[in-house]
Amino acid sequence: MHQNFAIAWRKETGEDLLACRDCDPTSNRLQFQNGTRLMMQVLRTQAQVGQPKTNRKHKDDVGDHEKPVRDIQSGYMVAANNVTQFIYIENQYFRWPPLADHLKTLAGKYFEAGRKVPLYLFVVTNDTKDGVGMGTAKTQEMLASLGRAETIPAITKLRMIKEMKREAPVRPRPDGPNDRAGQRKLDEWQAEMDRKTKEIETSNLVAKKVPGLKIHVCSLVAPNSPAGQPWMPVYIHSKLMIVDDVYTTHGSANINTRSMMVDSELNICHEHPEFSQPLRRRLWSLHTNKIGAQDEPKDAFTAWQEIIDINKDRQQNEGIPHASLVEFYYTETSMTDFD
């Protein structure tokens, strides 16, 4: 982990953290004490590469014009491609549209081939202003790809208005103040634009079905939030994905473009059901107050929906949470795309 960051830091700043921290001798003194040995794979995102061998200044610099390392991106895509039952994602961000498009395409192919049982996608991520941060555009794009644009309504409507204006006829330009016919056309054009904008702003957004895919996108609140007050959100900082209770990846990478392509990130992954399943059970028990941690994805999906519905009703009536799990719902109105 340190080497991955230090090499990138050295290329950007010239400061050699590897030398000043003397990490190699220290790592050699680390000894395995207890626990269970697992075969794992280290996955990286490392964009600071491509320096030719002829210009190497350090022995551990990358080779001759190597491409940026994007193992984490590949790991997510390969794991998603191998899903047969469910995927659980718990991440600080949920805004990398290629993953959503990939899952939607895969589920559609299964469905077209005659598969009767859907794939299930369970997501836990932040829905507060601080949690979503400056990436509302990509968050909306990802949710829209999965048919859940209604959970981020203000940004969805801003995008709809933007698309409507892009497809609208060219704005008429009257030929001076005496061009009454031209002015009339401009007034009619503006009235139509205002009408369509108002229509979008007052529209009722609903979830759209994705063939072959069932989706829950959720956030968390403090289970002891008092009645009569806004529920306290739980800030999610995890970077975890579990597939079919077998494959697990976790580390520093978020579900966003920066982590997959630009920043220096490090994940590990493994395929050990004896560790993946207990981890998933423990997290789901924690989030659902032991109600929605079933091993059968269909049963868990139903239990999550019941919790979501109960919490939605309790929140509207200023009650206390039934469990930490609530439906993702983002109400801010500023569209930003600084991933």
C-alpha atoms as a PDB file:
ATOM      1  CA  MET A   1       0.000   0.000   0.000  1.00  0.00           C
ATOM      2  CA  HIS A   2       2.759   2.392   0.959  1.00  0.00           C
ATOM      3  CA  GLN A   3       4.815   1.619  -2.138  1.00  0.00           C
ATOM      4  CA  ASN A   4       1.838   2.184  -4.444  1.00  0.00           C
ATOM      5  CA  PHE A   5       1.301   5.649  -2.986  1.00  0.00           C
ATOM      6  CA  ALA A   6       4.972   6.545  -2.600  1.00  0.00           C
ATOM      7  CA  ILE A   7       5.859   5.840  -6.240  1.00  0.00           C
ATOM      8  CA  ALA A   8       2.999   8.056  -7.414  1.00  0.00           C
ATOM      9  CA  TRP A   9       3.971  10.755  -4.902  1.00  0.00           C
ATOM     10  CA  ARG A  10       7.577  10.707  -6.077  1.00  0.00           C
ATOM     11  CA  LYS A  11       6.568  11.132  -9.716  1.00  0.00           C
ATOM     12  CA  GLU A  12       4.386  14.129  -8.851  1.00  0.00           C
ATOM     13  CA  THR A  13       6.544  15.874  -6.234  1.00  0.00           C
ATOM     14  CA  GLY A  14      10.054  14.432  -6.415  1.00  0.00           C
ATOM     15  CA  GLU A  15       9.939  13.552  -2.701  1.00  0.00           C
ATOM     16  CA  ASP A  16      11.120   9.979  -2.062  1.00  0.00           C
ATOM     17  CA  LEU A  17       8.983   8.601   0.761  1.00  0.00           C
ATOM     18  CA  LEU A  18      10.348   5.101   0.199  1.00  0.00           C
ATOM     19  CA  ALA A  19      13.830   6.226   1.170  1.00  0.00           C
ATOM     20  CA  CYS A  20      12.932   8.443   4.105  1.00  0.00           C
ATOM     21  CA  ARG A  21      10.600   5.888   5.695  1.00  0.00           C
ATOM     22  CA  ASP A  22      12.936   2.940   5.158  1.00  0.00           C
ATOM     23  CA  CYS A  23       9.934   0.658   4.599  1.00  0.00           C
ATOM     24  CA  ASP A  24      11.661  -2.436   3.190  1.00  0.00           C
ATOM     25  CA  PRO A  25      13.596  -3.410   6.352  1.00  0.00           C
ATOM     26  CA  THR A  26      10.518  -2.722   8.462  1.00  0.00           C
ATOM     27  CA  SER A  27       8.276  -4.932   6.321  1.00  0.00           C
ATOM     28  CA  ASN A  28      10.794  -7.777   6.527  1.00  0.00           C
ATOM     29  CA  ARG A  29      10.445  -7.794  10.313  1.00  0.00           C
ATOM     30  CA  LEU A  30       6.675  -8.298  10.185  1.00  0.00           C
ATOM     31  CA  GLN A  31       5.724 -11.847  11.129  1.00  0.00           C
ATOM     32  CA  PHE A  32       2.463 -13.756  10.727  1.00  0.00           C
ATOM     33  CA  GLN A  33       1.216 -14.467  14.261  1.00  0.00           C
ATOM     34  CA  ASN A  34      -2.315 -15.873  14.228  1.00  0.00           C
ATOM     35  CA  GLY A  35      -5.522 -16.089  12.206  1.00  0.00           C
ATOM     36  CA  THR A  36      -6.263 -17.980   9.021  1.00  0.00           C
ATOM     37  CA  ARG A  37      -4.068 -17.774   5.959  1.00  0.00           C
ATOM     38  CA  LEU A  38      -5.928 -16.815   2.781  1.00  0.00           C
ATOM     39  CA  MET A  39      -4.939 -16.647  -0.845  1.00  0.00           C
ATOM     40  CA  MET A  40      -5.741 -13.091  -1.903  1.00  0.00           C
ATOM     41  CA  GLN A  41      -5.032 -10.805  -4.818  1.00  0.00           C
ATOM     42  CA  VAL A  42      -3.833  -7.224  -4.556  1.00  0.00           C
ATOM     43  CA  LEU A  43      -5.576  -4.832  -6.958  1.00  0.00           C
ATOM     44  CA  ARG A  44      -4.361  -1.328  -7.742  1.00  0.00           C
ATOM     45  CA  THR A  45      -5.311   1.871  -9.463  1.00  0.00           C
ATOM     46  CA  GLN A  46      -2.129   3.695 -10.420  1.00  0.00           C
ATOM     47  CA  ALA A  47      -2.265   6.403 -13.073  1.00  0.00           C
ATOM     48  CA  GLN A  48       1.240   7.793 -12.500  1.00  0.00           C
ATOM     49  CA  VAL A  49       2.969   5.448 -14.931  1.00  0.00           C
ATOM     50  CA  GLY A  50       4.349   5.567 -18.459  1.00  0.00           C
ATOM     51  CA  GLN A  51       7.881   6.798 -17.776  1.00  0.00           C
ATOM     52  CA  PRO A  52      10.270   5.231 -20.324  1.00  0.00           C
ATOM     53  CA  LYS A  53      12.999   2.904 -19.053  1.00  0.00           C
ATOM     54  CA  THR A  54      15.663   5.189 -20.506  1.00  0.00           C
ATOM     55  CA  ASN A  55      14.536   7.941 -18.122  1.00  0.00           C
ATOM     56  CA  ARG A  56      14.301   5.786 -15.022  1.00  0.00           C
ATOM     57  CA  LYS A  57      15.587   7.445 -11.892  1.00  0.00           C
ATOM     58  CA  HIS A  58      14.716   4.668  -9.437  1.00  0.00           C
ATOM     59  CA  LYS A  59      14.991   0.888  -9.678  1.00  0.00           C
ATOM     60  CA  ASP A  60      11.321   0.338  -8.795  1.00  0.00           C
ATOM     61  CA  ASP A  61       9.894   2.752 -11.366  1.00  0.00           C
ATOM     62  CA  VAL A  62       7.522   1.212 -13.880  1.00  0.00           C
ATOM     63  CA  GLY A  63       8.747  -0.239 -17.144  1.00  0.00           C
ATOM     64  CA  ASP A  64       8.912   0.937 -20.704  1.00  0.00           C
ATOM     65  CA  HIS A  65       5.777   3.006 -21.425  1.00  0.00           C
ATOM     66  CA  GLU A  66       3.495   0.811 -19.318  1.00  0.00           C
ATOM     67  CA  LYS A  67      -0.184   1.674 -19.385  1.00  0.00           C
ATOM     68  CA  PRO A  68      -1.890   3.023 -16.244  1.00  0.00           C
ATOM     69  CA  VAL A  69      -2.687   0.241 -13.779  1.00  0.00           C
ATOM     70  CA  ARG A  70      -6.456  -0.189 -13.367  1.00  0.00           C
ATOM     71  CA  ASP A  71      -6.721  -3.587 -11.704  1.00  0.00           C
ATOM     72  CA  ILE A  72      -9.540  -2.503  -9.382  1.00  0.00           C
ATOM     73  CA  GLN A  73     -11.722  -1.484 -12.313  1.00  0.00           C
ATOM     74  CA  SER A  74     -11.095  -4.856 -13.963  1.00  0.00           C
ATOM     75  CA  GLY A  75     -11.752  -6.668 -10.693  1.00  0.00           C
ATOM     76  CA  TYR A  76     -15.168  -5.067 -10.278  1.00  0.00           C
ATOM     77  CA  MET A  77     -16.150  -5.773 -13.866  1.00  0.00           C
ATOM     78  CA  VAL A  78     -14.990  -9.405 -13.857  1.00  0.00           C
ATOM     79  CA  ALA A  79     -16.682 -10.115 -10.527  1.00  0.00           C
ATOM     80  CA  ALA A  80     -19.913  -8.492 -11.701  1.00  0.00           C
ATOM     81  CA  ASN A  81     -19.764 -10.513 -14.903  1.00  0.00           C
ATOM     82  CA  ASN A  82     -19.623 -13.743 -12.872  1.00  0.00           C
ATOM     83  CA  VAL A  83     -22.619 -13.026 -10.630  1.00  0.00           C
ATOM     84  CA  THR A  84     -25.310 -15.715 -10.550  1.00  0.00           C
ATOM     85  CA  GLN A  85     -27.427 -14.603  -7.559  1.00  0.00           C
ATOM     86  CA  PHE A  86     -26.688 -11.239  -5.956  1.00  0.00           C
ATOM     87  CA  ILE A  87     -24.222  -8.404  -5.520  1.00  0.00           C
ATOM     88  CA  TYR A  88     -23.879  -6.378  -2.334  1.00  0.00           C
ATOM     89  CA  ILE A  89     -22.140  -3.002  -2.566  1.00  0.00           C
ATOM     90  CA  GLU A  90     -21.387  -0.849   0.469  1.00  0.00           C
ATOM     91  CA  ASN A  91     -19.501   2.252  -0.597  1.00  0.00           C
ATOM     92  CA  GLN A  92     -19.018   5.917   0.181  1.00  0.00           C
ATOM     93  CA  TYR A  93     -20.024   6.803  -3.385  1.00  0.00           C
ATOM     94  CA  PHE A  94     -22.195   5.121  -5.987  1.00  0.00           C
ATOM     95  CA  ARG A  95     -21.381   6.927  -9.203  1.00  0.00           C
ATOM     96  CA  TRP A  96     -19.457   4.877 -11.720  1.00  0.00           C
ATOM     97  CA  PRO A  97     -21.988   4.437 -14.571  1.00  0.00           C
ATOM     98  CA  PRO A  98     -19.987   1.762 -16.484  1.00  0.00           C
ATOM     99  CA  LEU A  99     -20.651  -0.690 -13.642  1.00  0.00           C
ATOM    100  CA  ALA A 100     -24.395   0.002 -13.722  1.00  0.00           C
ATOM    101  CA  ASP A 101     -24.501  -0.343 -17.498  1.00  0.00           C
ATOM    102  CA  HIS A 102     -22.564  -3.615 -17.282  1.00  0.00           C
ATOM    103  CA  LEU A 103     -24.933  -5.111 -14.702  1.00  0.00           C
ATOM    104  CA  LYS A 104     -27.988  -3.987 -16.640  1.00  0.00           C
ATOM    105  CA  THR A 105     -26.667  -5.514 -19.866  1.00  0.00           C
ATOM    106  CA  LEU A 106     -25.736  -8.776 -18.140  1.00  0.00           C
ATOM    107  CA  ALA A 107     -29.133  -9.112 -16.457  1.00  0.00           C
ATOM    108  CA  GLY A 108     -30.841  -8.352 -19.764  1.00  0.00           C
ATOM    109  CA  LYS A 109     -28.914 -11.109 -21.534  1.00  0.00           C
ATOM    110  CA  TYR A 110     -29.853 -13.608 -18.827  1.00  0.00           C
ATOM    111  CA  PHE A 111     -33.484 -12.528 -19.114  1.00  0.00           C
ATOM    112  CA  GLU A 112     -33.531 -12.811 -22.909  1.00  0.00           C
ATOM    113  CA  ALA A 113     -31.971 -16.273 -22.662  1.00  0.00           C
ATOM    114  CA  GLY A 114     -34.928 -17.440 -20.584  1.00  0.00           C
ATOM    115  CA  ARG A 115     -33.644 -17.113 -17.040  1.00  0.00           C
ATOM    116  CA  LYS A 116     -36.605 -16.860 -14.669  1.00  0.00           C
ATOM    117  CA  VAL A 117     -34.833 -15.866 -11.446  1.00  0.00           C
ATOM    118  CA  PRO A 118     -33.601 -12.241 -11.439  1.00  0.00           C
ATOM    119  CA  LEU A 119     -30.233 -11.018 -10.271  1.00  0.00           C
ATOM    120  CA  TYR A 120     -30.370  -8.957  -7.094  1.00  0.00           C
ATOM    121  CA  LEU A 121     -28.392  -5.789  -6.416  1.00  0.00           C
ATOM    122  CA  PHE A 122     -28.234  -4.491  -2.841  1.00  0.00           C
ATOM    123  CA  VAL A 123     -26.540  -1.096  -2.396  1.00  0.00           C
ATOM    124  CA  VAL A 124     -25.796   0.889   0.767  1.00  0.00           C
ATOM    125  CA  THR A 125     -24.333   4.356   0.178  1.00  0.00           C
ATOM    126  CA  ASN A 126     -24.580   7.961   1.371  1.00  0.00           C
ATOM    127  CA  ASP A 127     -27.515  10.195   0.456  1.00  0.00           C
ATOM    128  CA  THR A 128     -26.608  13.375   2.349  1.00  0.00           C
ATOM    129  CA  LYS A 129     -25.141  16.536   0.823  1.00  0.00           C
ATOM    130  CA  ASP A 130     -21.783  15.882   2.486  1.00  0.00           C
ATOM    131  CA  GLY A 131     -21.914  12.209   1.563  1.00  0.00           C
ATOM    132  CA  VAL A 132     -22.693  12.615  -2.130  1.00  0.00           C
ATOM    133  CA  GLY A 133     -20.413  15.637  -2.340  1.00  0.00           C
ATOM    134  CA  MET A 134     -19.623  17.188  -5.714  1.00  0.00           C
ATOM    135  CA  GLY A 135     -20.630  14.210  -7.817  1.00  0.00           C
ATOM    136  CA  THR A 136     -24.388  14.565  -8.124  1.00  0.00           C
ATOM    137  CA  ALA A 137     -24.391  14.360 -11.932  1.00  0.00           C
ATOM    138  CA  LYS A 138     -22.685  10.953 -12.079  1.00  0.00           C
ATOM    139  CA  THR A 139     -24.743   9.694  -9.119  1.00  0.00           C
ATOM    140  CA  GLN A 140     -27.921  10.574 -10.990  1.00  0.00           C
ATOM    141  CA  GLU A 141     -26.602   9.013 -14.181  1.00  0.00           C
ATOM    142  CA  MET A 142     -25.852   5.749 -12.398  1.00  0.00           C
ATOM    143  CA  LEU A 143     -29.202   5.617 -10.626  1.00  0.00           C
ATOM    144  CA  ALA A 144     -31.028   6.453 -13.860  1.00  0.00           C
ATOM    145  CA  SER A 145     -29.220   3.615 -15.625  1.00  0.00           C
ATOM    146  CA  LEU A 146     -30.604   1.270 -12.968  1.00  0.00           C
ATOM    147  CA  GLY A 147     -34.127   2.666 -13.241  1.00  0.00           C
ATOM    148  CA  ARG A 148     -33.981   4.534  -9.923  1.00  0.00           C
ATOM    149  CA  ALA A 149     -33.775   8.157 -11.069  1.00  0.00           C
ATOM    150  CA  GLU A 150     -36.775   8.944  -8.858  1.00  0.00           C
ATOM    151  CA  THR A 151     -34.544   8.657  -5.770  1.00  0.00           C
ATOM    152  CA  ILE A 152     -32.624  11.779  -6.799  1.00  0.00           C
ATOM    153  CA  PRO A 153     -35.562  13.806  -8.182  1.00  0.00           C
ATOM    154  CA  ALA A 154     -34.235  17.365  -8.314  1.00  0.00           C
ATOM    155  CA  ILE A 155     -31.093  16.398 -10.227  1.00  0.00           C
ATOM    156  CA  THR A 156     -33.104  14.107 -12.495  1.00  0.00           C
ATOM    157  CA  LYS A 157     -35.466  16.940 -13.384  1.00  0.00           C
ATOM    158  CA  LEU A 158     -32.570  19.326 -14.017  1.00  0.00           C
ATOM    159  CA  ARG A 159     -31.137  16.782 -16.446  1.00  0.00           C
ATOM    160  CA  MET A 160     -34.534  16.308 -18.108  1.00  0.00           C
ATOM    161  CA  ILE A 161     -34.901  20.076 -18.565  1.00  0.00           C
ATOM    162  CA  LYS A 162     -31.383  20.291 -19.974  1.00  0.00           C
ATOM    163  CA  GLU A 163     -32.122  17.518 -22.472  1.00  0.00           C
ATOM    164  CA  MET A 164     -35.444  19.125 -23.409  1.00  0.00           C
ATOM    165  CA  LYS A 165     -33.726  22.434 -24.160  1.00  0.00           C
ATOM    166  CA  ARG A 166     -31.033  20.709 -26.195  1.00  0.00           C
ATOM    167  CA  GLU A 167     -33.643  19.046 -28.393  1.00  0.00           C
ATOM    168  CA  ALA A 168     -35.843  22.145 -28.690  1.00  0.00           C
ATOM    169  CA  PRO A 169     -36.150  24.125 -31.952  1.00  0.00           C
ATOM    170  CA  VAL A 170     -33.695  26.960 -32.465  1.00  0.00           C
ATOM    171  CA  ARG A 171     -34.676  30.099 -30.584  1.00  0.00           C
ATOM    172  CA  PRO A 172     -36.261  32.595 -33.026  1.00  0.00           C
ATOM    173  CA  ARG A 173     -34.459  35.905 -33.479  1.00  0.00           C
ATOM    174  CA  PRO A 174     -36.684  38.836 -34.458  1.00  0.00           C
ATOM    175  CA  ASP A 175     -35.201  41.192 -37.037  1.00  0.00           C
ATOM    176  CA  GLY A 176     -35.298  44.298 -34.868  1.00  0.00           C
ATOM    177  CA  PRO A 177     -38.015  45.816 -32.636  1.00  0.00           C
ATOM    178  CA  ASN A 178     -40.433  46.319 -35.544  1.00  0.00           C
ATOM    179  CA  ASP A 179     -40.445  42.653 -36.557  1.00  0.00           C
ATOM    180  CA  ARG A 180     -43.810  41.784 -35.011  1.00  0.00           C
ATOM    181  CA  ALA A 181     -44.067  38.398 -36.705  1.00  0.00           C
ATOM    182  CA  GLY A 182     -40.599  37.475 -35.475  1.00  0.00           C
ATOM    183  CA  GLN A 183     -41.407  38.672 -31.959  1.00  0.00           C
ATOM    184  CA  ARG A 184     -44.626  36.642 -31.967  1.00  0.00           C
ATOM    185  CA  LYS A 185     -42.675  33.515 -32.924  1.00  0.00           C
ATOM    186  CA  LEU A 186     -40.196  34.208 -30.111  1.00  0.00           C
ATOM    187  CA  ASP A 187     -43.014  34.644 -27.590  1.00  0.00           C
ATOM    188  CA  GLU A 188     -44.616  31.395 -28.720  1.00  0.00           C
ATOM    189  CA  TRP A 189     -41.264  29.587 -28.495  1.00  0.00           C
ATOM    190  CA  GLN A 190     -40.639  30.927 -24.982  1.00  0.00           C
ATOM    191  CA  ALA A 191     -44.157  30.026 -23.850  1.00  0.00           C
ATOM    192  CA  GLU A 192     -43.668  26.458 -25.075  1.00  0.00           C
ATOM    193  CA  MET A 193     -40.310  26.211 -23.309  1.00  0.00           C
ATOM    194  CA  ASP A 194     -41.848  27.502 -20.074  1.00  0.00           C
ATOM    195  CA  ARG A 195     -44.729  25.036 -20.402  1.00  0.00           C
ATOM    196  CA  LYS A 196     -42.427  22.051 -20.901  1.00  0.00           C
ATOM    197  CA  THR A 197     -40.159  23.160 -18.059  1.00  0.00           C
ATOM    198  CA  LYS A 198     -43.133  23.473 -15.706  1.00  0.00           C
ATOM    199  CA  GLU A 199     -44.396  20.084 -16.834  1.00  0.00           C
ATOM    200  CA  ILE A 200     -41.078  18.461 -15.927  1.00  0.00           C
ATOM    201  CA  GLU A 201     -40.785  20.306 -12.602  1.00  0.00           C
ATOM    202  CA  THR A 202     -44.233  19.121 -11.482  1.00  0.00           C
ATOM    203  CA  SER A 203     -43.971  15.584 -12.868  1.00  0.00           C
ATOM    204  CA  ASN A 204     -44.137  12.531 -10.608  1.00  0.00           C
ATOM    205  CA  LEU A 205     -41.052  10.372 -11.117  1.00  0.00           C
ATOM    206  CA  VAL A 206     -41.383   6.627 -10.623  1.00  0.00           C
ATOM    207  CA  ALA A 207     -38.992   3.693 -10.617  1.00  0.00           C
ATOM    208  CA  LYS A 208     -38.472   1.873 -13.913  1.00  0.00           C
ATOM    209  CA  LYS A 209     -38.101  -1.877 -14.147  1.00  0.00           C
ATOM    210  CA  VAL A 210     -34.809  -3.276 -15.405  1.00  0.00           C
ATOM    211  CA  PRO A 211     -35.364  -6.676 -17.060  1.00  0.00           C
ATOM    212  CA  GLY A 212     -33.763  -9.431 -15.022  1.00  0.00           C
ATOM    213  CA  LEU A 213     -32.537  -7.163 -12.214  1.00  0.00           C
ATOM    214  CA  LYS A 214     -34.037  -6.304  -8.807  1.00  0.00           C
ATOM    215  CA  ILE A 215     -32.469  -3.306  -7.087  1.00  0.00           C
ATOM    216  CA  HIS A 216     -32.406  -1.781  -3.613  1.00  0.00           C
ATOM    217  CA  VAL A 217     -30.413   1.435  -3.156  1.00  0.00           C
ATOM    218  CA  CYS A 218     -30.306   2.392   0.510  1.00  0.00           C
ATOM    219  CA  SER A 219     -28.685   4.602   3.114  1.00  0.00           C
ATOM    220  CA  LEU A 220     -28.322   4.268   6.879  1.00  0.00           C
ATOM    221  CA  VAL A 221     -29.543   6.217   9.901  1.00  0.00           C
ATOM    222  CA  ALA A 222     -28.719   5.902  13.575  1.00  0.00           C
ATOM    223  CA  PRO A 223     -31.131   3.270  14.960  1.00  0.00           C
ATOM    224  CA  ASN A 224     -31.548   5.240  18.205  1.00  0.00           C
ATOM    225  CA  SER A 225     -32.611   8.456  16.462  1.00  0.00           C
ATOM    226  CA  PRO A 226     -35.261  10.024  18.741  1.00  0.00           C
ATOM    227  CA  ALA A 227     -38.867  10.536  17.712  1.00  0.00           C
ATOM    228  CA  GLY A 228     -39.960  14.003  16.697  1.00  0.00           C
ATOM    229  CA  GLN A 229     -36.577  14.933  15.229  1.00  0.00           C
ATOM    230  CA  PRO A 230     -34.847  14.384  11.873  1.00  0.00           C
ATOM    231  CA  TRP A 231     -33.113  11.014  11.884  1.00  0.00           C
ATOM    232  CA  MET A 232     -29.345  11.126  12.230  1.00  0.00           C
ATOM    233  CA  PRO A 233     -27.631   9.856   9.041  1.00  0.00           C
ATOM    234  CA  VAL A 234     -24.795   7.351   9.345  1.00  0.00           C
ATOM    235  CA  TYR A 235     -21.829   8.369   7.209  1.00  0.00           C
ATOM    236  CA  ILE A 236     -20.760   5.392   5.105  1.00  0.00           C
ATOM    237  CA  HIS A 237     -17.049   5.161   4.396  1.00  0.00           C
ATOM    238  CA  SER A 238     -16.870   1.488   3.378  1.00  0.00           C
ATOM    239  CA  LYS A 239     -15.466   0.334   0.036  1.00  0.00           C
ATOM    240  CA  LEU A 240     -16.813  -3.202  -0.165  1.00  0.00           C
ATOM    241  CA  MET A 241     -18.422  -5.550  -2.676  1.00  0.00           C
ATOM    242  CA  ILE A 242     -19.561  -9.133  -2.056  1.00  0.00           C
ATOM    243  CA  VAL A 243     -20.750 -11.367  -4.905  1.00  0.00           C
ATOM    244  CA  ASP A 244     -22.802 -14.522  -4.276  1.00  0.00           C
ATOM    245  CA  ASP A 245     -21.320 -14.902  -0.764  1.00  0.00           C
ATOM    246  CA  VAL A 246     -18.073 -16.000  -2.448  1.00  0.00           C
ATOM    247  CA  TYR A 247     -16.099 -13.093  -3.919  1.00  0.00           C
ATOM    248  CA  THR A 248     -15.164 -10.145  -1.716  1.00  0.00           C
ATOM    249  CA  THR A 249     -13.203  -7.029  -2.575  1.00  0.00           C
ATOM    250  CA  HIS A 250     -12.485  -4.191  -0.195  1.00  0.00           C
ATOM    251  CA  GLY A 251      -9.884  -1.497   0.216  1.00  0.00           C
ATOM    252  CA  SER A 252      -9.529   2.198  -0.552  1.00  0.00           C
ATOM    253  CA  ALA A 253     -11.378   2.457  -3.884  1.00  0.00           C
ATOM    254  CA  ASN A 254     -14.756   4.146  -4.142  1.00  0.00           C
ATOM    255  CA  ILE A 255     -17.375   3.434  -6.798  1.00  0.00           C
ATOM    256  CA  ASN A 256     -16.433   6.477  -8.856  1.00  0.00           C
ATOM    257  CA  THR A 257     -14.301   7.414 -11.837  1.00  0.00           C
ATOM    258  CA  ARG A 258     -11.443   8.845  -9.794  1.00  0.00           C
ATOM    259  CA  SER A 259     -10.874   5.660  -7.820  1.00  0.00           C
ATOM    260  CA  MET A 260     -11.207   3.434 -10.866  1.00  0.00           C
ATOM    261  CA  MET A 261      -9.001   5.438 -13.233  1.00  0.00           C
ATOM    262  CA  VAL A 262      -7.084   8.345 -11.695  1.00  0.00           C
ATOM    263  CA  ASP A 263      -6.223   8.165  -7.987  1.00  0.00           C
ATOM    264  CA  SER A 264      -3.731   5.839  -6.288  1.00  0.00           C
ATOM    265  CA  GLU A 265      -5.883   3.104  -4.742  1.00  0.00           C
ATOM    266  CA  LEU A 266      -5.351  -0.358  -3.309  1.00  0.00           C
ATOM    267  CA  ASN A 267      -7.874  -3.169  -2.809  1.00  0.00           C
ATOM    268  CA  ILE A 268      -7.627  -6.826  -1.938  1.00  0.00           C
ATOM    269  CA  CYS A 269      -9.957  -9.518  -3.205  1.00  0.00           C
ATOM    270  CA  HIS A 270     -10.526 -13.173  -2.406  1.00  0.00           C
ATOM    271  CA  GLU A 271     -12.928 -16.030  -3.126  1.00  0.00           C
ATOM    272  CA  HIS A 272     -13.533 -17.656   0.252  1.00  0.00           C
ATOM    273  CA  PRO A 273     -17.198 -18.296   1.167  1.00  0.00           C
ATOM    274  CA  GLU A 274     -16.243 -19.117   4.751  1.00  0.00           C
ATOM    275  CA  PHE A 275     -15.283 -15.447   5.162  1.00  0.00           C
ATOM    276  CA  SER A 276     -17.508 -13.687   2.619  1.00  0.00           C
ATOM    277  CA  GLN A 277     -20.803 -15.098   3.877  1.00  0.00           C
ATOM    278  CA  PRO A 278     -20.290 -14.327   7.598  1.00  0.00           C
ATOM    279  CA  LEU A 279     -19.203 -10.793   6.684  1.00  0.00           C
ATOM    280  CA  ARG A 280     -22.310 -10.217   4.588  1.00  0.00           C
ATOM    281  CA  ARG A 281     -24.565 -11.730   7.272  1.00  0.00           C
ATOM    282  CA  ARG A 282     -23.014  -9.559   9.981  1.00  0.00           C
ATOM    283  CA  LEU A 283     -23.419  -6.351   7.971  1.00  0.00           C
ATOM    284  CA  TRP A 284     -26.980  -7.093   6.911  1.00  0.00           C
ATOM    285  CA  SER A 285     -27.944  -8.020  10.476  1.00  0.00           C
ATOM    286  CA  LEU A 286     -26.474  -4.745  11.699  1.00  0.00           C
ATOM    287  CA  HIS A 287     -28.214  -2.623   9.055  1.00  0.00           C
ATOM    288  CA  THR A 288     -31.611  -4.362   9.257  1.00  0.00           C
ATOM    289  CA  ASN A 289     -31.864  -4.982  12.998  1.00  0.00           C
ATOM    290  CA  LYS A 290     -31.464  -8.743  12.324  1.00  0.00           C
ATOM    291  CA  ILE A 291     -34.542  -8.731  10.073  1.00  0.00           C
ATOM    292  CA  GLY A 292     -33.029  -8.790   6.579  1.00  0.00           C
ATOM    293  CA  ALA A 293     -29.926 -11.002   6.669  1.00  0.00           C
ATOM    294  CA  GLN A 294     -31.389 -14.027   4.893  1.00  0.00           C
ATOM    295  CA  ASP A 295     -29.134 -16.193   2.729  1.00  0.00           C
ATOM    296  CA  GLU A 296     -31.758 -16.446  -0.020  1.00  0.00           C
ATOM    297  CA  PRO A 297     -31.541 -13.190  -2.049  1.00  0.00           C
ATOM    298  CA  LYS A 298     -35.270 -13.147  -2.806  1.00  0.00           C
ATOM    299  CA  ASP A 299     -36.165 -13.397   0.889  1.00  0.00           C
ATOM    300  CA  ALA A 300     -33.641 -10.723   1.843  1.00  0.00           C
ATOM    301  CA  PHE A 301     -34.906  -8.432  -0.916  1.00  0.00           C
ATOM    302  CA  THR A 302     -38.471  -8.775   0.389  1.00  0.00           C
ATOM    303  CA  ALA A 303     -37.361  -8.131   3.971  1.00  0.00           C
ATOM    304  CA  TRP A 304     -35.432  -5.030   2.919  1.00  0.00           C
ATOM    305  CA  GLN A 305     -38.492  -3.706   1.097  1.00  0.00           C
ATOM    306  CA  GLU A 306     -40.612  -4.165   4.222  1.00  0.00           C
ATOM    307  CA  ILE A 307     -38.046  -2.296   6.329  1.00  0.00           C
ATOM    308  CA  ILE A 308     -37.876   0.500   3.748  1.00  0.00           C
ATOM    309  CA  ASP A 309     -41.671   0.850   3.707  1.00  0.00           C
ATOM    310  CA  ILE A 310     -41.965   0.831   7.506  1.00  0.00           C
ATOM    311  CA  ASN A 311     -39.183   3.378   7.913  1.00  0.00           C
ATOM    312  CA  LYS A 312     -40.670   5.609   5.234  1.00  0.00           C
ATOM    313  CA  ASP A 313     -43.961   5.650   7.139  1.00  0.00           C
ATOM    314  CA  ARG A 314     -42.264   6.203  10.507  1.00  0.00           C
ATOM    315  CA  GLN A 315     -40.116   9.004   9.138  1.00  0.00           C
ATOM    316  CA  GLN A 316     -43.150  10.803   7.738  1.00  0.00           C
ATOM    317  CA  ASN A 317     -44.880  10.457  11.110  1.00  0.00           C
ATOM    318  CA  GLU A 318     -41.782  11.515  13.095  1.00  0.00           C
ATOM    319  CA  GLY A 319     -41.388   8.147  14.783  1.00  0.00           C
ATOM    320  CA  ILE A 320     -38.259   6.149  15.592  1.00  0.00           C
ATOM    321  CA  PRO A 321     -36.419   3.954  13.071  1.00  0.00           C
ATOM    322  CA  HIS A 322     -37.472   0.337  12.665  1.00  0.00           C
ATOM    323  CA  ALA A 323     -33.867  -0.388  11.631  1.00  0.00           C
ATOM    324  CA  SER A 324     -30.893   1.578  10.313  1.00  0.00           C
ATOM    325  CA  LEU A 325     -31.777   0.821   6.690  1.00  0.00           C
ATOM    326  CA  VAL A 326     -33.679   3.521   4.766  1.00  0.00           C
ATOM    327  CA  GLU A 327     -34.243   4.098   1.081  1.00  0.00           C
ATOM    328  CA  PHE A 328     -31.693   6.303  -0.679  1.00  0.00           C
ATOM    329  CA  TYR A 329     -33.262   9.711  -1.318  1.00  0.00           C
ATOM    330  CA  TYR A 330     -31.288  12.813  -2.296  1.00  0.00           C
ATOM    331  CA  THR A 331     -33.129  16.129  -2.369  1.00  0.00           C
ATOM    332  CA  GLU A 332     -30.415  18.718  -3.074  1.00  0.00           C
ATOM    333  CA  THR A 333     -30.842  20.772  -6.251  1.00  0.00           C
ATOM    334  CA  SER A 334     -27.272  21.541  -7.346  1.00  0.00           C
ATOM    335  CA  MET A 335     -25.897  19.484 -10.254  1.00  0.00           C
ATOM    336  CA  THR A 336     -22.128  19.072  -9.983  1.00  0.00           C
ATOM    337  CA  ASP A 337     -19.751  16.799 -11.844  1.00  0.00           C
ATOM    338  CA  PHE A 338     -16.466  17.031  -9.941  1.00  0.00           C
ATOM    339  CA  ASP A 339     -15.840  13.343  -9.374  1.00  0.00           C
END
